Structure formats: structure tokens, C-alpha cells
Amino acid sequence: MGDYDELFTRGTGRPIRRPARGPAGTPRTRAADFGRPVPRAWGWPVAGGGRAPHVEGGTLYAGTSSQLCGLFPFAVSSGTSVRGVPIGRHLLTAEPVGLDPAEWLREGLVSNTGVWVQGQPGIGKSAIIKRMITGLVAFGGVAVVPGDVKGEYSPLIEALGGAVWRVGRGLHALNPLDAGPLRAQLASAVGSAREQLAETIRVRRLSLLEALVSIVRRGEVEVTERRLLGVALDAAVRAGAASSDRPEPVVPDVLRVLSEGSDELRGIVASRDGAGYRRSVRELVNTLALLCDGTIRGIFDRPSTVTSHLGTPALSLDLSALDDDDDDALAAGMLCSWAWSTALVDGAAGVSGRPVAVVQDELWRALRAAPGLVERSDRITRLNRHRGVISFQVTHSLDDLEALATSTDRAKARGLVARNATLVLGGMAEQELDALRRITPLSEGEAALVTSWAASPTWVGGALHPGRGKYLIKSGERIGLPVSLRLTAGEQALYDTDGMFGDTEGSRKRADGSAAGRAAEPLAVVG
């Protein structure tokens, strides 16, 4: 009951106001504006009327109905999605933002779980990826990092309780023809399921073998050579199946079959003469021999020493030992790692029931080694969304993909970007955005925001880079989400990629509690 009772006349429904009676039955007249059906926003200017000279903005809190049940139903819903891994706050509204492509797929926000991450070096691309895989592992998922070129994910994988396999000379070997966990599935499969799985394994083996040949010779594989490789691979697989010592074929087995030359192989090159056959296959034989005796000898020409399963929370194939080698060795290592991890994920599909996050960093370094690698890598690593795979593909610039050898490769590389439903864009130059606009729509405001993160506006040192930890999340025609990510102290130690520069002035100021240090303080996200 207020100062005045609201009564509705019968028939009209119009409010009529009458004075409320005081203790002695006399009316209390306290305001001139009695005709208003509701008080002003600042309250009635009378005693007890709730008058406030200034109304401050409310404090934003986010929580679940079980945590804040006393406040439910909430007055205002959140404007951004808070489901998923908390990756920071919205730069304009300060609302917490979560990212989980699998959850977004379930909610119908995206059509697939692919994420394309792009931005200039040093703005924190790997930081947001590491935050994502840390959160997804905490939610019960598995993180797989195939082909970690710099070894920058290894400390995090080990901290998560995962396994890190370091591949290189004198280290672990990776057999490109190893079926991995799919071998056990093939042994237990029957009927048409067995035939389908056997053909899948064969296609991947053959695609990877062709890719390695393309890398070594820096050129395409001819049609006749593809047939020769297929027949020789089948013969090596049959020989391995009949052997109890080494069931999986290796590249030297394929080389031996080609060198010996069966009737079927001789028929492919249309030469029954031994010398004529050897001349026909000489180029292919020498290429395979370089895989066994050349600069990458001992890495991809022997049985795999890498073994793992998705029972661990995370795993990584560390290729940092090959980082200083030629592009040939590194590209071969990345493709073999991608193929091995894909077999691992497929072998566990439907068994573990856990979502898997796969990170392909430094993507361009593998694709530029030789023509045709875009198509073959896509064939090797193609992941299906119904298998619970969240894929992150990371690169610095679309110019890296535009530098591929052929126009066909460049067109297919652009398709790699377009097939990802979610884009995470860091600071970059205007010309980069012009290329991205051919793939995803960007408003003038979004473009201006991303370019403003590209470089510091002054030459004064010691401040945090304007683009560090800032990202624009885009998906389809929706307005992008500008997000600021701040790392906890533990994350700063695990995610550091600038350790080679030692104790810089900026790091000392952050340790002293400067403005840059306060910008890197932990961010509490409720959700």
C-alpha cells in the first residue's frame, strides 16, 4: 500500500486515485502530481517516495539458477554466450564470453566445429588456443597437438597430465604407413565394416606416401607412379600381414617391392624387360630411397615408437627437433603427425565418448613444401563433426596460403578457411582484412577494431601491446564478439612464448605491478 491506493472503476478500467487515510482519518496530501499512475524513474519527490537524485548503473553478475536461486528469475538475460570455456570479457559490455564449438553446434549457432585462428605474430594466438584446450580438458575432453613445430605446447600438455612424444633423429620415430589404433579395429571388424575400414586405411596410407614423394621431389606425382605406389603398397601390406614380427609395413618395404618388380608392376609400365622396367621406375625408386637414406633418414623409415591412446587427457607430437631442418623434413613430419593423430582419433571414435580438440598450428609450413599437398593433407586429416572433434587451424596470414605453388592449391587453401564455422581474428593489417572479406563479412567497425590492434600508436616502450590478448570472434553474418583475454599467473608461466628474450623491461614492470602488469592480472569469470 503506497501513499495513494489505485482503484479501478467498474467497466472502464481507468485508475482513480484517492487519498490514503491518516491515523485520524484525515487525508494526506504530499505531492502535486497525484494524477500519475506510476512514479517517475527517480521516485516520488515526497517523504518515503523513494526519491533519488541520481540513479547509478547496476552491477552485472552472471550465474546459474542453482547458484543464484534466490534471485531467479533474473531481471535481464546475458547478451553473449557464456557457455563453454571462459575466454575473457566482451570489450564493449564487459560480459563474460565463453567459447565451445561443440556446444555452439548443439545449440544450432554453427554448422561445424572447425575454428580458424589468424593474427600477426605475438598477439596471443597460441594463448587463446591453450586456454581453450585447458578448459576443454577440464570439461572432460582430450587435447591432441599433432606436429608441434616449436615445442610450445609441450609444457602445457605435461602440466595437464598428458604425454609428449618428441620426434626426430635419435628420438622417437613415426611410421607414415602405421595404421595406429585402427589396426585393432580392423582385426575385430567383420563384413562390410571391415572392408570399409580397410579401404580407409589404404587411402590414408597411399595419400601420405604420395605426399612424401611430392615433398622429396618438390613436384607432382604422375598417374603411372600413383598406380605403382598403390600396387607396391598393397603387396607390402600383404607381406606384413603374413609376418608375425612386423605386421605394419614401412617405406623400405614398399621400396623393395618396387625394386624387385612383380608381373603386375611390369604390366603397369608396359615393360616385360627387366632393364626397361628399372628405367621406368628409376625416378620413383630414387625418390623413395631418399626417404630412407636422405636428410630425413631414421625418422619416417622405421616402425613407430610412438604409442598412445585417448585415455590420457592430452598428447602432443613435438617436432621442435626438426624446426631448423629444411622444409622437406618439417613438412614430412607435420603430415605424418597429422595422419597418425587422425588415426588415433578415428580409432577412439565412439569408444571414449569424450570430445577431442585437435590443434594444427603453423599450418602453412606443411602446405607450401610441394604442389598438391593441400588436397592430400585434407584427405589425410579430414575429421567428421559427428565424431566429436573440435579442430583449430592456426596461421599468421592468408598470404601464407596465397604463396602456395599452384592456383589450384591456393583455391583449395581458401576453402580450408571457409569450411571453418568460427573465426578468431587477432590484430592484423588492412590488406589482410581485404582478403578475409572474401570469406566472411566484416563491418567497417569490426575492421577498424582489428586493425587498431595491429601496432602500438606510440614509440613509448614498457606498455602492453594494444593487440595482446584481444580477439574478434566471427561466425557467419552475426556481429562479431570482441573479447579481451587475461591470463592467470599460472597461465602466464605455461603459455609464455617469449622466454628466449629473457627478462625484458616489460616483464620487469609487470612484476613490479605497473599498468601493464595490472592488465595481465587474473580475470574472474562467473558462468
Protein backbone atom coordinates (compact mmCIF):
# COMPACT_ATOMS: atom_id res chain seq x y z
CA MET A 1 0.00 0.00 0.00
CA GLY A 2 1.51 3.35 -1.04
CA ASP A 3 0.58 6.94 -0.27
CA TYR A 4 -2.36 6.56 -2.65
CA ASP A 5 -4.41 3.49 -3.41
CA GLU A 6 -5.08 2.65 -7.03
CA LEU A 7 -8.67 1.61 -7.68
CA PHE A 8 -10.21 0.65 -10.98
CA THR A 9 -13.75 1.73 -11.72
CA ARG A 10 -16.08 -0.91 -12.90
CA GLY A 11 -16.47 -1.01 -16.66
CA THR A 12 -13.75 1.49 -17.64
CA GLY A 13 -10.63 0.01 -16.01
CA ARG A 14 -9.20 3.55 -15.60
CA PRO A 15 -7.17 4.17 -12.45
CA ILE A 16 -8.70 6.50 -9.88
CA ARG A 17 -6.58 7.82 -7.03
CA ARG A 18 -7.94 8.67 -3.61
CA PRO A 19 -6.06 9.92 -0.59
CA ALA A 20 -5.00 7.31 1.89
CA ARG A 21 -6.35 7.98 5.34
CA GLY A 22 -4.09 9.00 8.21
CA PRO A 23 -4.38 7.87 11.78
CA ALA A 24 -7.14 10.45 12.46
CA GLY A 25 -8.97 9.72 9.24
CA THR A 26 -7.75 12.88 7.51
CA PRO A 27 -6.34 12.67 4.00
CA ARG A 28 -2.56 13.04 3.50
CA THR A 29 -1.74 15.36 0.63
CA ARG A 30 2.01 15.05 -0.11
CA ALA A 31 2.53 15.67 -3.83
CA ALA A 32 1.03 17.80 -6.54
CA ASP A 33 1.44 15.20 -9.22
CA PHE A 34 -1.23 12.82 -7.94
CA GLY A 35 -2.52 12.05 -11.42
CA ARG A 36 0.50 9.95 -12.44
CA PRO A 37 -0.44 6.23 -12.42
CA VAL A 38 3.20 5.26 -11.72
CA PRO A 39 6.04 7.18 -10.09
CA ARG A 40 8.84 8.79 -12.05
CA ALA A 41 12.02 6.76 -12.67
CA TRP A 42 13.70 8.57 -9.79
CA GLY A 43 10.76 8.12 -7.44
CA TRP A 44 8.17 10.47 -5.93
CA PRO A 45 9.59 13.75 -4.57
CA VAL A 46 7.93 13.20 -1.20
CA ALA A 47 8.99 11.71 2.09
CA GLY A 48 9.04 7.94 1.74
CA GLY A 49 8.56 8.19 -2.01
CA GLY A 50 11.96 6.67 -2.87
CA ARG A 51 13.30 9.85 -4.41
CA ALA A 52 16.96 9.56 -5.61
CA PRO A 53 18.89 12.49 -7.14
CA HIS A 54 20.98 10.12 -9.24
CA VAL A 55 20.45 6.51 -10.32
CA GLU A 56 23.72 4.59 -10.80
CA GLY A 57 24.09 1.78 -13.25
CA GLY A 58 23.64 -1.67 -11.83
CA THR A 59 26.49 -4.12 -11.34
CA LEU A 60 26.46 -7.03 -13.77
CA TYR A 61 26.56 -10.52 -12.31
CA ALA A 62 26.26 -13.79 -14.16
CA GLY A 63 25.41 -17.12 -12.59
CA THR A 64 23.30 -20.24 -12.88
CA SER A 65 19.82 -20.63 -11.38
CA SER A 66 21.16 -23.17 -8.90
CA GLN A 67 23.88 -20.80 -7.68
CA LEU A 68 21.67 -17.71 -7.52
CA CYS A 69 18.30 -19.35 -6.94
CA GLY A 70 17.20 -16.55 -4.58
CA LEU A 71 17.43 -14.04 -7.43
CA PHE A 72 15.73 -16.23 -10.06
CA PRO A 73 14.01 -15.36 -12.38
CA PHE A 74 16.75 -12.99 -13.46
CA ALA A 75 15.80 -9.48 -14.47
CA VAL A 76 17.98 -9.37 -17.60
CA SER A 77 19.47 -12.19 -19.64
CA SER A 78 23.07 -12.16 -20.83
CA GLY A 79 23.72 -10.66 -24.24
CA THR A 80 26.55 -13.03 -25.13
CA SER A 81 27.02 -16.75 -24.80
CA VAL A 82 28.68 -17.78 -21.55
CA ARG A 83 28.60 -21.48 -22.31
CA GLY A 84 31.96 -23.09 -22.87
CA VAL A 85 35.49 -22.20 -21.91
CA PRO A 86 35.66 -18.65 -20.44
CA ILE A 87 37.94 -16.74 -22.79
CA GLY A 88 37.53 -13.25 -21.38
CA ARG A 89 35.12 -10.35 -21.34
CA HIS A 90 33.31 -8.53 -24.10
CA LEU A 91 35.24 -5.34 -24.81
CA LEU A 92 32.08 -3.21 -25.05
CA THR A 93 29.72 -4.71 -22.47
CA ALA A 94 32.20 -6.40 -20.08
CA GLU A 95 30.05 -9.52 -20.20
CA PRO A 96 31.84 -12.85 -19.82
CA VAL A 97 32.19 -14.75 -23.08
CA GLY A 98 32.58 -18.50 -23.43
CA LEU A 99 33.66 -20.47 -26.48
CA ASP A 100 32.91 -24.13 -27.09
CA PRO A 101 32.35 -25.06 -30.75
CA ALA A 102 30.73 -28.37 -29.76
CA GLU A 103 28.21 -26.63 -27.53
CA TRP A 104 27.58 -24.00 -30.21
CA LEU A 105 26.91 -26.82 -32.66
CA ARG A 106 24.40 -28.40 -30.28
CA GLU A 107 22.66 -25.05 -29.86
CA GLY A 108 22.47 -24.54 -33.63
CA LEU A 109 24.75 -21.50 -33.63
CA VAL A 110 27.29 -23.04 -36.03
CA SER A 111 27.23 -25.74 -38.68
CA ASN A 112 30.53 -27.40 -37.74
CA THR A 113 33.15 -27.38 -35.01
CA GLY A 114 36.05 -26.02 -37.06
CA VAL A 115 37.85 -22.91 -35.76
CA TRP A 116 40.21 -20.80 -37.88
CA VAL A 117 42.64 -18.66 -35.82
CA GLN A 118 44.56 -15.88 -37.59
CA GLY A 119 46.59 -12.88 -36.50
CA GLN A 120 50.05 -11.37 -36.69
CA PRO A 121 52.82 -12.95 -34.60
CA GLY A 122 52.97 -12.01 -30.95
CA ILE A 123 49.33 -11.05 -30.35
CA GLY A 124 48.46 -14.24 -28.47
CA LYS A 125 47.09 -16.76 -30.97
CA SER A 126 48.62 -19.68 -29.10
CA ALA A 127 47.45 -18.20 -25.77
CA ILE A 128 43.77 -18.44 -26.65
CA ILE A 129 44.29 -21.92 -28.10
CA LYS A 130 45.98 -23.03 -24.90
CA ARG A 131 43.19 -21.53 -22.81
CA MET A 132 40.70 -23.42 -24.96
CA ILE A 133 42.38 -26.82 -24.68
CA THR A 134 42.94 -26.31 -20.95
CA GLY A 135 39.25 -25.61 -20.49
CA LEU A 136 38.11 -28.44 -22.74
CA VAL A 137 40.32 -30.90 -20.85
CA ALA A 138 38.81 -29.58 -17.61
CA PHE A 139 35.37 -30.29 -19.08
CA GLY A 140 36.39 -33.91 -19.69
CA GLY A 141 37.72 -33.65 -23.25
CA VAL A 142 41.04 -34.64 -24.79
CA ALA A 143 43.59 -32.31 -26.37
CA VAL A 144 45.71 -33.55 -29.30
CA VAL A 145 48.52 -31.40 -30.73
CA PRO A 146 49.97 -33.15 -33.80
CA GLY A 147 53.07 -31.52 -35.22
CA ASP A 148 54.07 -29.01 -32.54
CA VAL A 149 56.79 -27.29 -34.56
CA LYS A 150 58.18 -25.08 -31.80
CA GLY A 151 57.51 -27.35 -28.86
CA GLU A 152 55.50 -24.54 -27.25
CA TYR A 153 52.59 -26.78 -26.27
CA SER A 154 54.73 -29.41 -24.53
CA PRO A 155 54.86 -27.73 -21.06
CA LEU A 156 51.07 -27.33 -21.05
CA ILE A 157 50.43 -30.91 -22.20
CA GLU A 158 52.69 -32.24 -19.46
CA ALA A 159 51.05 -29.96 -16.87
CA LEU A 160 47.67 -31.40 -17.89
CA GLY A 161 48.97 -34.89 -17.21
CA GLY A 162 49.32 -35.79 -20.89
CA ALA A 163 52.00 -37.46 -22.98
CA VAL A 164 54.55 -35.66 -25.14
CA TRP A 165 56.37 -37.61 -27.86
CA ARG A 166 59.43 -35.88 -29.29
CA VAL A 167 60.06 -36.95 -32.89
CA GLY A 168 63.45 -36.54 -34.56
CA ARG A 169 66.85 -38.06 -35.15
CA GLY A 170 67.86 -40.11 -32.14
CA LEU A 171 64.38 -39.54 -30.70
CA HIS A 172 61.07 -41.18 -31.50
CA ALA A 173 60.20 -42.40 -35.00
CA LEU A 174 56.87 -42.11 -36.78
CA ASN A 175 55.99 -44.65 -39.46
CA PRO A 176 53.79 -42.97 -42.09
CA LEU A 177 52.28 -46.34 -43.00
CA ASP A 178 51.30 -47.19 -39.41
CA ALA A 179 47.54 -47.71 -39.07
CA GLY A 180 47.80 -46.94 -35.37
CA PRO A 181 44.71 -47.70 -33.27
CA LEU A 182 42.75 -48.51 -36.42
CA ARG A 183 44.73 -51.75 -36.63
CA ALA A 184 42.92 -53.18 -33.61
CA GLN A 185 39.57 -52.08 -35.02
CA LEU A 186 40.36 -53.76 -38.33
CA ALA A 187 41.19 -57.03 -36.58
CA SER A 188 37.83 -57.11 -34.82
CA ALA A 189 35.67 -55.81 -37.69
CA VAL A 190 33.69 -58.16 -39.93
CA GLY A 191 31.80 -58.00 -43.21
CA SER A 192 31.25 -54.68 -44.93
CA ALA A 193 32.51 -52.74 -41.89
CA ARG A 194 35.88 -54.47 -42.25
CA GLU A 195 36.05 -53.72 -45.96
CA GLN A 196 35.21 -50.06 -45.40
CA LEU A 197 37.80 -49.68 -42.64
CA ALA A 198 40.47 -51.45 -44.69
CA GLU A 199 39.83 -49.11 -47.62
CA THR A 200 40.00 -46.06 -45.32
CA ILE A 201 43.38 -47.17 -44.01
CA ARG A 202 44.64 -47.84 -47.53
CA VAL A 203 43.55 -44.42 -48.82
CA ARG A 204 45.30 -42.65 -45.98
CA ARG A 205 48.48 -44.67 -46.37
CA LEU A 206 48.59 -44.08 -50.09
CA SER A 207 47.78 -40.36 -49.77
CA LEU A 208 50.54 -39.91 -47.22
CA LEU A 209 53.02 -41.89 -49.32
CA GLU A 210 52.21 -39.74 -52.35
CA ALA A 211 52.58 -36.60 -50.22
CA LEU A 212 56.03 -37.69 -49.04
CA VAL A 213 57.10 -38.36 -52.64
CA SER A 214 55.85 -34.88 -53.62
CA ILE A 215 57.82 -33.30 -50.77
CA VAL A 216 61.08 -35.04 -51.61
CA ARG A 217 60.96 -34.25 -55.32
CA ARG A 218 59.14 -30.91 -54.87
CA GLY A 219 56.77 -31.84 -57.64
CA GLU A 220 53.61 -33.72 -58.51
CA VAL A 221 53.25 -37.49 -58.60
CA GLU A 222 52.41 -38.77 -62.08
CA VAL A 223 49.45 -41.03 -62.82
CA THR A 224 51.60 -44.07 -63.58
CA GLU A 225 53.58 -43.52 -60.39
CA ARG A 226 50.40 -43.39 -58.35
CA ARG A 227 49.37 -46.78 -59.69
CA LEU A 228 52.82 -48.18 -58.99
CA LEU A 229 52.71 -46.91 -55.42
CA GLY A 230 49.26 -48.41 -54.86
CA VAL A 231 50.25 -51.87 -56.09
CA ALA A 232 53.55 -51.83 -54.22
CA LEU A 233 51.82 -50.69 -51.02
CA ASP A 234 49.23 -53.48 -51.26
CA ALA A 235 51.99 -56.04 -51.71
CA ALA A 236 53.91 -54.69 -48.70
CA VAL A 237 50.74 -54.80 -46.57
CA ARG A 238 50.07 -58.41 -47.53
CA ALA A 239 53.64 -59.36 -46.69
CA GLY A 240 53.36 -57.62 -43.33
CA ALA A 241 50.08 -59.38 -42.54
CA ALA A 242 51.76 -62.73 -43.12
CA SER A 243 54.63 -61.80 -40.79
CA SER A 244 54.34 -62.03 -37.02
CA ASP A 245 57.48 -59.98 -36.39
CA ARG A 246 56.38 -56.72 -38.02
CA PRO A 247 52.72 -56.54 -39.07
CA GLU A 248 52.87 -52.89 -40.19
CA PRO A 249 54.68 -52.07 -43.47
CA VAL A 250 57.37 -49.40 -43.60
CA VAL A 251 58.66 -47.33 -46.52
CA PRO A 252 61.67 -49.66 -47.16
CA ASP A 253 59.17 -52.50 -47.71
CA VAL A 254 57.45 -50.53 -50.47
CA LEU A 255 60.83 -49.65 -51.95
CA ARG A 256 61.88 -53.30 -52.01
CA VAL A 257 58.66 -54.38 -53.79
CA LEU A 258 59.15 -51.66 -56.42
CA SER A 259 62.78 -52.62 -56.96
CA GLU A 260 62.02 -56.31 -57.41
CA GLY A 261 59.21 -55.65 -59.89
CA SER A 262 56.30 -58.09 -59.94
CA ASP A 263 54.38 -59.00 -63.06
CA GLU A 264 51.61 -56.59 -62.09
CA LEU A 265 54.10 -53.74 -61.72
CA ARG A 266 55.72 -54.56 -65.03
CA GLY A 267 52.30 -54.52 -66.65
CA ILE A 268 51.63 -51.00 -65.39
CA VAL A 269 54.73 -49.61 -67.11
CA ALA A 270 54.14 -51.85 -70.16
CA SER A 271 57.58 -53.41 -70.00
CA ARG A 272 58.31 -57.11 -69.60
CA ASP A 273 62.04 -56.49 -69.91
CA GLY A 274 63.89 -56.11 -66.61
CA ALA A 275 66.10 -53.27 -67.79
CA GLY A 276 63.15 -51.42 -69.32
CA TYR A 277 61.17 -51.76 -66.09
CA ARG A 278 64.03 -50.42 -63.98
CA ARG A 279 64.36 -47.42 -66.28
CA SER A 280 60.62 -46.74 -65.99
CA VAL A 281 60.55 -46.80 -62.19
CA ARG A 282 64.02 -45.29 -61.62
CA GLU A 283 62.71 -41.83 -60.64
CA LEU A 284 60.16 -43.20 -58.20
CA VAL A 285 62.61 -45.69 -56.69
CA ASN A 286 65.22 -42.97 -56.15
CA THR A 287 62.62 -40.73 -54.52
CA LEU A 288 61.62 -43.42 -52.04
CA ALA A 289 65.30 -44.16 -51.44
CA LEU A 290 65.80 -40.55 -50.36
CA LEU A 291 63.15 -41.07 -47.69
CA CYS A 292 65.31 -43.89 -46.33
CA ASP A 293 68.83 -42.57 -46.99
CA GLY A 294 68.43 -38.79 -47.39
CA THR A 295 68.22 -35.92 -44.93
CA ILE A 296 65.23 -37.37 -43.06
CA ARG A 297 66.70 -40.87 -42.66
CA GLY A 298 65.82 -42.59 -39.44
CA ILE A 299 62.63 -40.64 -38.77
CA PHE A 300 59.98 -41.95 -41.15
CA ASP A 301 61.58 -45.14 -42.50
CA ARG A 302 61.30 -47.41 -39.45
CA PRO A 303 58.49 -48.74 -37.21
CA SER A 304 56.77 -46.21 -34.99
CA THR A 305 58.00 -45.87 -31.44
CA VAL A 306 55.10 -43.52 -30.65
CA THR A 307 52.21 -45.23 -28.92
CA SER A 308 49.32 -43.64 -27.10
CA HIS A 309 45.58 -43.70 -26.59
CA LEU A 310 42.83 -41.23 -25.75
CA GLY A 311 42.68 -42.40 -22.16
CA THR A 312 45.21 -39.68 -21.38
CA PRO A 313 43.85 -36.12 -21.06
CA ALA A 314 46.24 -34.71 -23.65
CA LEU A 315 49.02 -35.69 -26.02
CA SER A 316 51.43 -33.95 -28.34
CA LEU A 317 53.85 -34.88 -31.10
CA ASP A 318 56.75 -32.47 -30.60
CA LEU A 319 58.61 -31.72 -33.86
CA SER A 320 60.83 -28.96 -32.49
CA ALA A 321 63.92 -31.09 -33.21
CA LEU A 322 63.13 -30.64 -36.94
CA ASP A 323 62.48 -26.89 -36.78
CA ASP A 324 65.97 -25.99 -38.00
CA ASP A 325 65.86 -28.53 -40.85
CA ASP A 326 64.80 -27.94 -44.43
CA ASP A 327 61.12 -27.51 -45.18
CA ASP A 328 61.14 -31.04 -46.57
CA ALA A 329 61.81 -32.68 -43.22
CA LEU A 330 59.42 -30.45 -41.32
CA ALA A 331 56.60 -30.82 -43.84
CA ALA A 332 57.03 -34.58 -43.84
CA GLY A 333 56.95 -34.61 -40.06
CA MET A 334 53.82 -32.49 -39.89
CA LEU A 335 51.92 -34.58 -42.44
CA CYS A 336 52.91 -37.83 -40.74
CA SER A 337 51.90 -36.41 -37.37
CA TRP A 338 48.54 -35.27 -38.70
CA ALA A 339 47.89 -38.69 -40.23
CA TRP A 340 48.88 -40.52 -37.04
CA SER A 341 46.69 -38.34 -34.81
CA THR A 342 43.75 -38.68 -37.20
CA ALA A 343 44.03 -42.45 -36.98
CA LEU A 344 44.19 -42.12 -33.21
CA VAL A 345 41.01 -40.05 -33.09
CA ASP A 346 39.18 -42.32 -35.53
CA GLY A 347 40.27 -45.40 -33.58
CA ALA A 348 38.74 -43.98 -30.41
CA ALA A 349 35.57 -42.65 -32.05
CA GLY A 350 32.53 -43.99 -30.26
CA VAL A 351 34.71 -45.70 -27.64
CA SER A 352 35.88 -42.99 -25.29
CA GLY A 353 32.81 -40.78 -25.67
CA ARG A 354 34.99 -37.74 -24.95
CA PRO A 355 35.22 -34.66 -27.21
CA VAL A 356 38.63 -34.23 -28.84
CA ALA A 357 40.32 -30.89 -29.59
CA VAL A 358 42.93 -31.12 -32.38
CA VAL A 359 45.31 -28.19 -32.96
CA GLN A 360 47.06 -27.67 -36.31
CA ASP A 361 49.48 -24.82 -35.73
CA GLU A 362 51.90 -23.35 -38.31
CA LEU A 363 49.62 -24.82 -40.98
CA TRP A 364 51.29 -23.05 -43.89
CA ARG A 365 54.72 -24.60 -43.25
CA ALA A 366 53.49 -28.03 -44.26
CA LEU A 367 51.36 -26.99 -47.23
CA ARG A 368 53.97 -24.90 -49.06
CA ALA A 369 56.59 -27.67 -49.39
CA ALA A 370 55.25 -29.08 -52.67
CA PRO A 371 52.32 -28.82 -55.08
CA GLY A 372 49.22 -30.85 -54.31
CA LEU A 373 49.73 -31.07 -50.55
CA VAL A 374 46.56 -29.14 -49.73
CA GLU A 375 44.33 -31.81 -51.23
CA ARG A 376 46.34 -34.69 -49.79
CA SER A 377 46.51 -33.17 -46.31
CA ASP A 378 42.76 -32.59 -46.39
CA ARG A 379 42.25 -36.22 -47.44
CA ILE A 380 44.56 -37.43 -44.67
CA THR A 381 43.17 -35.30 -41.86
CA ARG A 382 39.51 -34.94 -42.76
CA LEU A 383 37.56 -35.04 -39.50
CA ASN A 384 33.84 -35.54 -39.15
CA ARG A 385 31.85 -33.39 -36.77
CA HIS A 386 29.72 -36.33 -35.60
CA ARG A 387 32.86 -37.86 -34.09
CA GLY A 388 33.15 -35.12 -31.52
CA VAL A 389 36.25 -33.46 -32.98
CA ILE A 390 36.93 -29.75 -32.48
CA SER A 391 39.64 -28.63 -34.89
CA PHE A 392 41.77 -25.49 -34.51
CA GLN A 393 43.75 -24.38 -37.55
CA VAL A 394 46.23 -21.58 -36.93
CA THR A 395 48.17 -19.33 -39.30
CA HIS A 396 49.65 -15.83 -39.41
CA SER A 397 48.28 -14.61 -42.69
CA LEU A 398 46.27 -15.63 -45.73
CA ASP A 399 49.30 -14.54 -47.73
CA ASP A 400 50.98 -17.70 -46.42
CA LEU A 401 48.34 -19.72 -48.22
CA GLU A 402 48.37 -17.46 -51.28
CA ALA A 403 52.08 -18.27 -51.65
CA LEU A 404 51.33 -21.90 -52.48
CA ALA A 405 52.73 -23.26 -55.71
CA THR A 406 49.65 -23.57 -57.93
CA SER A 407 46.37 -21.74 -58.38
CA THR A 408 44.54 -24.98 -57.57
CA ASP A 409 46.32 -25.24 -54.23
CA ARG A 410 45.57 -21.60 -53.46
CA ALA A 411 41.87 -22.06 -54.19
CA LYS A 412 41.70 -25.17 -52.03
CA ALA A 413 43.57 -23.41 -49.24
CA ARG A 414 40.97 -20.63 -49.24
CA GLY A 415 38.39 -23.38 -48.95
CA LEU A 416 40.11 -24.54 -45.75
CA VAL A 417 39.27 -21.18 -44.19
CA ALA A 418 35.70 -21.09 -45.49
CA ARG A 419 34.92 -24.56 -44.13
CA ASN A 420 35.53 -23.42 -40.54
CA ALA A 421 32.33 -22.12 -38.98
CA THR A 422 34.12 -19.97 -36.39
CA LEU A 423 36.91 -17.45 -37.00
CA VAL A 424 39.08 -15.99 -34.23
CA LEU A 425 40.83 -12.91 -35.58
CA GLY A 426 43.66 -11.07 -33.84
CA GLY A 427 45.32 -7.83 -34.80
CA MET A 428 46.25 -7.60 -38.48
CA ALA A 429 46.78 -5.11 -41.26
CA GLU A 430 44.08 -3.74 -43.55
CA GLN A 431 45.17 -5.79 -46.57
CA GLU A 432 44.68 -8.96 -44.55
CA LEU A 433 41.11 -7.98 -43.82
CA ASP A 434 40.50 -7.33 -47.52
CA ALA A 435 41.37 -10.95 -48.18
CA LEU A 436 39.22 -12.16 -45.29
CA ARG A 437 36.22 -10.20 -46.54
CA ARG A 438 36.07 -12.60 -49.49
CA ILE A 439 35.43 -15.37 -46.97
CA THR A 440 33.44 -13.78 -44.15
CA PRO A 441 31.59 -10.43 -43.93
CA LEU A 442 33.25 -7.74 -41.78
CA SER A 443 31.64 -4.41 -40.94
CA GLU A 444 33.62 -1.18 -41.00
CA GLY A 445 33.56 -1.07 -37.22
CA GLU A 446 34.86 -4.62 -36.89
CA ALA A 447 37.62 -3.97 -39.41
CA ALA A 448 38.66 -0.77 -37.63
CA LEU A 449 38.79 -2.61 -34.32
CA VAL A 450 41.00 -5.40 -35.66
CA THR A 451 43.40 -3.01 -37.41
CA SER A 452 43.67 -0.89 -34.26
CA TRP A 453 45.16 -3.93 -32.53
CA ALA A 454 47.89 -4.34 -35.15
CA ALA A 455 50.52 -1.94 -33.75
CA SER A 456 51.19 0.38 -30.85
CA PRO A 457 50.28 4.03 -31.63
CA THR A 458 53.45 5.40 -29.98
CA TRP A 459 57.16 4.65 -29.67
CA VAL A 460 57.00 4.69 -25.87
CA GLY A 461 58.09 1.31 -24.56
CA GLY A 462 57.04 -0.65 -21.49
CA ALA A 463 53.31 -0.72 -22.20
CA LEU A 464 51.28 -3.74 -23.17
CA HIS A 465 50.85 -4.17 -26.93
CA PRO A 466 47.33 -2.95 -27.91
CA GLY A 467 46.53 -6.22 -29.62
CA ARG A 468 47.87 -8.61 -26.98
CA GLY A 469 45.04 -10.85 -25.81
CA LYS A 470 42.34 -9.21 -27.95
CA TYR A 471 40.31 -11.16 -30.49
CA LEU A 472 37.25 -10.79 -32.68
CA ILE A 473 35.15 -13.95 -32.80
CA LYS A 474 33.16 -14.19 -36.03
CA SER A 475 30.65 -16.73 -37.23
CA GLY A 476 28.52 -16.25 -40.31
CA GLU A 477 26.59 -13.00 -40.69
CA ARG A 478 26.43 -12.29 -36.95
CA ILE A 479 28.02 -9.26 -35.35
CA GLY A 480 31.42 -10.30 -34.06
CA LEU A 481 32.30 -10.64 -30.39
CA PRO A 482 35.33 -8.50 -29.43
CA VAL A 483 36.95 -10.24 -26.47
CA SER A 484 39.81 -9.40 -24.12
CA LEU A 485 41.62 -12.40 -22.65
CA ARG A 486 43.60 -12.02 -19.45
CA LEU A 487 45.76 -14.83 -18.18
CA THR A 488 46.21 -16.06 -14.66
CA ALA A 489 49.70 -16.17 -13.16
CA GLY A 490 49.90 -19.91 -13.76
CA GLU A 491 48.84 -19.50 -17.38
CA GLN A 492 51.44 -16.81 -17.97
CA ALA A 493 54.16 -19.26 -16.98
CA LEU A 494 52.77 -22.11 -19.08
CA TYR A 495 51.80 -20.11 -22.16
CA ASP A 496 54.96 -17.97 -22.41
CA THR A 497 56.37 -17.99 -25.96
CA ASP A 498 58.81 -15.09 -25.42
CA GLY A 499 61.11 -16.86 -22.99
CA MET A 500 64.05 -16.63 -25.40
CA PHE A 501 64.10 -12.85 -24.91
CA GLY A 502 64.79 -13.19 -21.19
CA ASP A 503 63.83 -10.64 -18.54
CA THR A 504 62.64 -7.78 -20.69
CA GLU A 505 61.75 -4.33 -19.42
CA GLY A 506 58.09 -5.07 -19.93
CA SER A 507 58.23 -8.24 -17.85
CA ARG A 508 60.04 -6.41 -15.03
CA LYS A 509 57.37 -3.72 -14.98
CA ARG A 510 54.66 -6.33 -14.86
CA ALA A 511 56.38 -7.94 -11.92
CA ASP A 512 56.54 -4.52 -10.20
CA GLY A 513 52.78 -4.03 -10.55
CA SER A 514 52.78 -1.44 -13.32
CA ALA A 515 49.80 -0.73 -15.56
CA ALA A 516 50.95 -3.46 -17.91
CA GLY A 517 51.14 -5.84 -15.01
CA ARG A 518 47.64 -4.96 -13.85
CA ALA A 519 46.38 -5.63 -17.36
CA ALA A 520 47.69 -9.17 -17.06
CA GLU A 521 46.08 -9.86 -13.67
CA PRO A 522 43.73 -12.87 -13.44
CA LEU A 523 40.20 -12.34 -14.64
CA ALA A 524 37.42 -13.96 -12.65
CA VAL A 525 34.64 -15.17 -14.90
CA VAL A 526 31.41 -16.45 -13.38
CA GLY A 527 29.39 -18.80 -15.50
